[in-house]
């Protein structure tokens, strides 16, 4: 069966996402996880874990931040707390954090999530041999490379099918540095401010950008939408699909997830048609924020163009 994973922005949204048909909720605290719609404290995560388990759903917590010496000291205690409250899985990309998880001998599975580094079956299988139960595939892997990869992997992979796609992260406060350089005060540099940058001499580009305690994050021109490409993923056996609501309207995101859940059900029942998927895709597009475009990212690109 196909598994649908969705990010969570609040307890109420988590409940709505469960009703919409999501199988797994994805959330965390921004001290330990990257690019989250909301930063949840452990007691809040515990409440959502209880809610999810009441409805036979699962919870994944992000522990995929880049940890320097000062912050990695706190990872073991956080992992112990997540295990204690019944979290089903964590995502980790830092080998040091993976080492700490294994040293703690916790009953807490992890999937390997190193962002754009996860591009080959050999890397995925390497982490599978180091106890990873799955891996998050880089957004930059096009369909033509997914085909052989899907035949060679030993553990499941997660593919993002909707949402904002990060293309750069820096640990530096680039927006604040820019503000200081031009001597123009920016009173807010967070995601809610809605800042973007453009490529030189290309005014049509609009790369969303924001700062948080993990540094500066820059996103692709358009959000990802693979609704009409889902049959290709399904045929390859890549059936863990993530939807990222980082820049989505919280209410509309639930409706977009419901559209993908309907598509999942149709595919699992071998009843999906191109017309039905096109209609569901239109629903997703109608609910998309006006200032954010949609495309299918790297999916159709020639691998040589990506390299």
Protein backbone atom coordinates (compact mmCIF):
# COMPACT_ATOMS: atom_id res chain seq x y z
CA UNK A 1 0.00 0.00 0.00
CA UNK A 2 1.04 3.58 -0.63
CA UNK A 3 1.91 5.72 2.39
CA UNK A 4 1.10 9.43 2.49
CA UNK A 5 3.24 11.63 4.73
CA UNK A 6 2.32 15.25 5.51
CA UNK A 7 3.90 18.05 7.52
CA UNK A 8 2.00 19.45 10.48
CA UNK A 9 1.53 23.09 11.52
CA UNK A 10 -0.74 22.64 14.57
CA UNK A 11 -2.63 20.09 16.64
CA UNK A 12 -5.89 21.01 14.92
CA UNK A 13 -4.31 20.63 11.51
CA UNK A 14 -2.95 17.22 12.54
CA UNK A 15 -6.49 16.11 13.35
CA UNK A 16 -7.74 17.46 10.02
CA UNK A 17 -4.92 15.73 8.11
CA UNK A 18 -5.84 12.41 9.69
CA UNK A 19 -9.42 12.92 8.55
CA UNK A 20 -8.13 13.85 5.08
CA UNK A 21 -6.45 10.47 4.77
CA UNK A 22 -2.80 10.96 5.71
CA UNK A 23 -0.96 7.87 6.97
CA UNK A 24 1.95 9.56 8.72
CA UNK A 25 2.40 12.98 10.33
CA UNK A 26 5.75 14.78 10.04
CA UNK A 27 6.73 17.39 12.59
CA UNK A 28 9.45 18.44 15.00
CA UNK A 29 11.26 21.22 16.84
CA UNK A 30 13.38 23.66 14.87
CA UNK A 31 16.36 23.21 17.20
CA UNK A 32 16.63 19.64 15.88
CA UNK A 33 14.76 19.67 12.55
CA UNK A 34 14.94 21.72 9.36
CA UNK A 35 12.33 23.83 7.56
CA UNK A 36 9.29 22.92 9.62
CA UNK A 37 5.90 24.67 9.34
CA UNK A 38 5.84 24.93 13.14
CA UNK A 39 8.28 24.24 15.96
CA UNK A 40 6.67 21.86 18.45
CA UNK A 41 7.91 21.35 21.99
CA UNK A 42 8.15 17.73 23.23
CA UNK A 43 4.91 17.90 25.21
CA UNK A 44 3.09 19.13 22.09
CA UNK A 45 4.62 16.32 20.03
CA UNK A 46 3.42 13.87 22.67
CA UNK A 47 -0.15 15.12 22.25
CA UNK A 48 0.00 14.63 18.47
CA UNK A 49 1.56 11.18 18.89
CA UNK A 50 -1.36 10.20 21.14
CA UNK A 51 -3.85 11.59 18.63
CA UNK A 52 -2.22 9.78 15.71
CA UNK A 53 -2.04 6.45 17.51
CA UNK A 54 -5.69 6.71 18.50
CA UNK A 55 -6.44 6.70 14.76
CA UNK A 56 -3.86 4.04 13.87
CA UNK A 57 -1.58 6.60 12.19
CA UNK A 58 2.14 7.15 12.68
CA UNK A 59 4.39 10.06 13.57
CA UNK A 60 7.84 10.91 12.22
CA UNK A 61 9.91 13.56 14.00
CA UNK A 62 12.59 15.56 12.19
CA UNK A 63 16.07 15.32 13.70
CA UNK A 64 17.74 16.27 10.41
CA UNK A 65 19.42 19.53 11.39
CA UNK A 66 23.14 20.14 10.86
CA UNK A 67 24.57 19.77 14.32
CA UNK A 68 27.66 21.60 15.52
CA UNK A 69 29.39 20.63 18.76
CA UNK A 70 27.22 22.80 20.96
CA UNK A 71 23.95 21.39 19.64
CA UNK A 72 24.79 17.73 19.12
CA UNK A 73 25.34 17.43 22.88
CA UNK A 74 21.56 17.70 23.27
CA UNK A 75 20.61 15.14 20.63
CA UNK A 76 20.78 12.00 22.80
CA UNK A 77 18.41 13.40 25.42
CA UNK A 78 16.02 14.54 22.71
CA UNK A 79 16.03 11.11 21.03
CA UNK A 80 15.41 9.47 24.40
CA UNK A 81 12.45 11.78 24.96
CA UNK A 82 11.03 11.04 21.50
CA UNK A 83 11.33 7.32 22.14
CA UNK A 84 9.66 7.67 25.52
CA UNK A 85 6.61 9.45 24.11
CA UNK A 86 6.14 6.80 21.44
CA UNK A 87 7.35 8.52 18.27
CA UNK A 88 7.36 5.94 15.48
CA UNK A 89 10.37 7.18 13.56
CA UNK A 90 12.89 10.00 13.22
CA UNK A 91 14.65 11.43 10.18
CA UNK A 92 18.40 11.99 10.58
CA UNK A 93 21.06 13.20 8.15
CA UNK A 94 24.02 13.82 10.46
CA UNK A 95 26.15 10.67 10.89
CA UNK A 96 27.07 11.89 14.38
CA UNK A 97 23.40 11.91 15.36
CA UNK A 98 22.97 8.43 13.88
CA UNK A 99 25.89 7.25 16.00
CA UNK A 100 24.29 8.72 19.12
CA UNK A 101 20.97 7.02 18.31
CA UNK A 102 22.69 3.65 17.96
CA UNK A 103 24.78 4.16 21.10
CA UNK A 104 21.61 4.88 23.06
CA UNK A 105 20.14 1.56 21.84
CA UNK A 106 16.66 3.04 21.59
CA UNK A 107 13.66 1.32 20.04
CA UNK A 108 13.38 4.21 17.59
CA UNK A 109 13.77 3.57 13.84
CA UNK A 110 15.35 6.24 11.65
CA UNK A 111 15.26 7.07 7.98
CA UNK A 112 18.28 8.71 6.41
CA UNK A 113 17.61 12.31 5.34
CA UNK A 114 20.62 14.25 4.06
CA UNK A 115 18.67 16.48 1.64
CA UNK A 116 20.28 16.79 -1.80
CA UNK A 117 23.04 14.28 -0.99
CA UNK A 118 20.76 11.24 -1.28
CA UNK A 119 20.99 10.58 -5.02
CA UNK A 120 22.18 6.99 -5.50
CA UNK A 121 21.14 3.46 -4.59
CA UNK A 122 24.61 2.75 -3.21
CA UNK A 123 24.34 5.55 -0.69
CA UNK A 124 20.83 4.47 0.29
CA UNK A 125 21.92 0.85 0.69
CA UNK A 126 24.97 1.92 2.69
CA UNK A 127 22.73 3.52 5.29
CA UNK A 128 20.40 0.55 5.11
CA UNK A 129 23.34 -1.57 6.28
CA UNK A 130 23.72 0.90 9.14
CA UNK A 131 20.18 0.23 10.38
CA UNK A 132 18.27 2.91 8.45
CA UNK A 133 14.73 1.71 7.78
CA UNK A 134 14.41 4.02 4.78
CA UNK A 135 15.80 7.12 3.09
CA UNK A 136 14.51 10.43 1.79
CA UNK A 137 15.34 10.78 -1.90
CA UNK A 138 16.84 14.08 -3.02
CA UNK A 139 14.47 16.35 -4.91
CA UNK A 140 17.08 16.67 -7.66
CA UNK A 141 16.76 13.04 -8.81
CA UNK A 142 14.82 12.96 -12.12
CA UNK A 143 12.53 10.17 -13.18
CA UNK A 144 15.08 8.64 -15.55
CA UNK A 145 17.41 8.08 -12.59
CA UNK A 146 14.60 6.86 -10.35
CA UNK A 147 14.00 3.92 -12.69
CA UNK A 148 17.30 2.08 -12.14
CA UNK A 149 17.51 3.30 -8.54
CA UNK A 150 14.14 1.74 -7.70
CA UNK A 151 15.43 -1.64 -8.90
CA UNK A 152 18.61 -1.51 -6.81
CA UNK A 153 17.57 -0.18 -3.39
CA UNK A 154 17.27 -2.50 -0.39
CA UNK A 155 15.17 -0.16 1.78
CA UNK A 156 12.15 2.04 0.98
CA UNK A 157 12.61 5.64 -0.11
CA UNK A 158 10.40 8.65 0.46
CA UNK A 159 9.67 10.92 -2.50
CA UNK A 160 8.31 14.45 -2.09
CA UNK A 161 5.28 14.90 -4.35
CA UNK A 162 4.11 18.36 -3.25
CA UNK A 163 5.54 21.44 -1.61
CA UNK A 164 8.34 23.97 -1.40
CA UNK A 165 11.75 22.68 -2.47
CA UNK A 166 14.85 23.97 -0.69
CA UNK A 167 17.76 24.62 -3.06
CA UNK A 168 20.25 26.16 -0.64
CA UNK A 169 20.95 26.41 3.07
CA UNK A 170 23.66 28.43 4.76
CA UNK A 171 24.40 28.51 8.44
CA UNK A 172 25.05 32.23 8.09
CA UNK A 173 22.36 34.91 8.62
CA UNK A 174 22.55 36.08 5.01
CA UNK A 175 19.52 38.35 5.17
CA UNK A 176 20.74 40.10 8.28
CA UNK A 177 24.19 40.46 6.73
CA UNK A 178 22.62 42.00 3.62
CA UNK A 179 20.55 44.35 5.76
CA UNK A 180 23.68 45.48 7.58
CA UNK A 181 25.58 45.97 4.32
CA UNK A 182 22.97 48.16 2.63
CA UNK A 183 22.10 49.83 5.94
CA UNK A 184 18.41 49.10 5.47
CA UNK A 185 16.81 47.56 8.52
CA UNK A 186 14.75 44.40 8.08
CA UNK A 187 12.55 44.08 11.14
CA UNK A 188 11.63 40.49 10.21
CA UNK A 189 13.51 37.86 8.24
CA UNK A 190 11.36 34.83 9.08
CA UNK A 191 9.20 32.80 6.70
CA UNK A 192 6.04 34.78 7.49
CA UNK A 193 7.65 37.94 6.10
CA UNK A 194 7.43 36.46 2.59
CA UNK A 195 10.81 37.67 1.32
CA UNK A 196 12.28 36.49 -1.98
CA UNK A 197 15.32 37.10 -4.16
CA UNK A 198 15.72 37.19 -7.94
CA UNK A 199 18.51 36.05 -10.21
CA UNK A 200 20.49 38.89 -11.85
CA UNK A 201 18.72 40.27 -14.93
CA UNK A 202 15.86 37.78 -14.47
CA UNK A 203 13.07 39.71 -12.80
CA UNK A 204 10.62 36.85 -13.34
CA UNK A 205 12.48 34.68 -10.81
CA UNK A 206 11.36 34.71 -7.20
CA UNK A 207 13.29 32.44 -4.87
CA UNK A 208 11.68 32.47 -1.43
CA UNK A 209 14.15 33.08 1.37
CA UNK A 210 14.02 33.24 5.16
CA UNK A 211 16.18 32.94 8.26
CA UNK A 212 15.77 30.93 11.42
CA UNK A 213 18.09 29.49 14.06
CA UNK A 214 19.40 26.99 11.47
CA UNK A 215 20.57 29.77 9.16
CA UNK A 216 19.25 30.96 5.80
CA UNK A 217 17.04 28.86 3.53
CA UNK A 218 16.39 29.50 -0.18
CA UNK A 219 13.70 27.74 -2.20
CA UNK A 220 13.03 26.94 -5.86
CA UNK A 221 11.07 29.32 -8.05
CA UNK A 222 7.97 27.11 -7.93
CA UNK A 223 6.57 24.53 -5.55
CA UNK A 224 6.58 20.87 -6.56
CA UNK A 225 3.45 19.10 -7.79
CA UNK A 226 3.72 15.49 -9.01
CA UNK A 227 0.00 14.67 -9.00
CA UNK A 228 -0.11 13.64 -12.66
CA UNK A 229 3.21 11.78 -12.32
CA UNK A 230 2.07 9.62 -9.41
CA UNK A 231 1.37 6.57 -11.64
CA UNK A 232 5.04 6.51 -12.67
CA UNK A 233 6.15 6.49 -9.04
CA UNK A 234 3.58 3.88 -8.18
CA UNK A 235 4.73 1.61 -11.02
CA UNK A 236 8.34 1.87 -9.80
CA UNK A 237 7.29 0.77 -6.34
CA UNK A 238 8.20 4.16 -4.87
CA UNK A 239 5.12 4.43 -2.70
CA UNK A 240 5.97 6.62 0.25
CA UNK A 241 4.94 10.15 -0.74
CA UNK A 242 5.54 13.30 1.23
CA UNK A 243 3.59 16.55 1.06
CA UNK A 244 5.27 19.62 2.52
CA UNK A 245 2.99 22.44 3.65
CA UNK A 246 5.74 24.88 4.61
CA UNK A 247 4.40 27.67 2.37
CA UNK A 248 0.84 26.40 1.95
CA UNK A 249 -2.23 27.93 3.53
CA UNK A 250 -2.87 25.68 6.57
CA UNK A 251 -6.54 25.11 5.73
CA UNK A 252 -6.04 24.66 2.00
CA UNK A 253 -3.11 22.33 2.60
CA UNK A 254 -5.46 19.83 4.26
CA UNK A 255 -7.65 19.93 1.13
CA UNK A 256 -4.61 19.46 -1.10
CA UNK A 257 -3.57 16.45 0.98
CA UNK A 258 -7.11 15.07 0.61
CA UNK A 259 -6.74 15.31 -3.17
CA UNK A 260 -3.49 13.33 -3.04
CA UNK A 261 -5.10 10.81 -0.69
CA UNK A 262 -7.85 10.29 -3.24
CA UNK A 263 -5.25 9.77 -5.96
CA UNK A 264 -3.41 7.28 -3.73
CA UNK A 265 -6.58 5.30 -3.15
CA UNK A 266 -7.41 5.22 -6.85
CA UNK A 267 -3.93 3.97 -7.71
CA UNK A 268 -3.94 1.35 -4.96
CA UNK A 269 -7.29 0.11 -6.29
CA UNK A 270 -6.01 0.16 -9.90
CA UNK A 271 -8.78 2.60 -10.82
CA UNK A 272 -6.87 5.83 -11.53
CA UNK A 273 -7.33 7.45 -14.91
CA UNK A 274 -5.50 10.37 -16.49
CA UNK A 275 -8.73 12.39 -16.42
CA UNK A 276 -9.26 11.77 -12.70
CA UNK A 277 -5.68 12.72 -11.86
CA UNK A 278 -5.95 15.85 -13.99
CA UNK A 279 -9.10 16.85 -12.10
CA UNK A 280 -7.40 16.25 -8.76
CA UNK A 281 -4.39 18.21 -9.96
CA UNK A 282 -6.65 21.13 -10.80
CA UNK A 283 -8.00 20.99 -7.25
CA UNK A 284 -4.44 21.25 -5.91
CA UNK A 285 -3.72 24.18 -8.22
CA UNK A 286 -6.91 26.00 -7.28
CA UNK A 287 -5.89 25.79 -3.62
CA UNK A 288 -2.31 26.94 -4.23
CA UNK A 289 -1.27 30.35 -2.83
CA UNK A 290 -1.55 32.94 -5.60
CA UNK A 291 2.06 34.04 -5.23
CA UNK A 292 3.48 30.51 -5.58
CA UNK A 293 3.63 28.65 -8.89
CA UNK A 294 3.64 24.89 -9.40
CA UNK A 295 5.64 22.58 -11.63
CA UNK A 296 7.10 19.08 -11.47
CA UNK A 297 10.62 20.20 -10.59
CA UNK A 298 13.43 17.94 -11.77
CA UNK A 299 11.13 15.04 -12.58
CA UNK A 300 11.17 15.32 -16.39
CA UNK A 301 14.69 16.66 -16.78
CA UNK A 302 17.44 14.80 -18.61
CA UNK A 303 19.87 13.57 -15.92
CA UNK A 304 22.71 15.25 -17.82
CA UNK A 305 20.99 18.61 -17.32
CA UNK A 306 20.93 18.08 -13.57
CA UNK A 307 24.57 17.04 -13.36
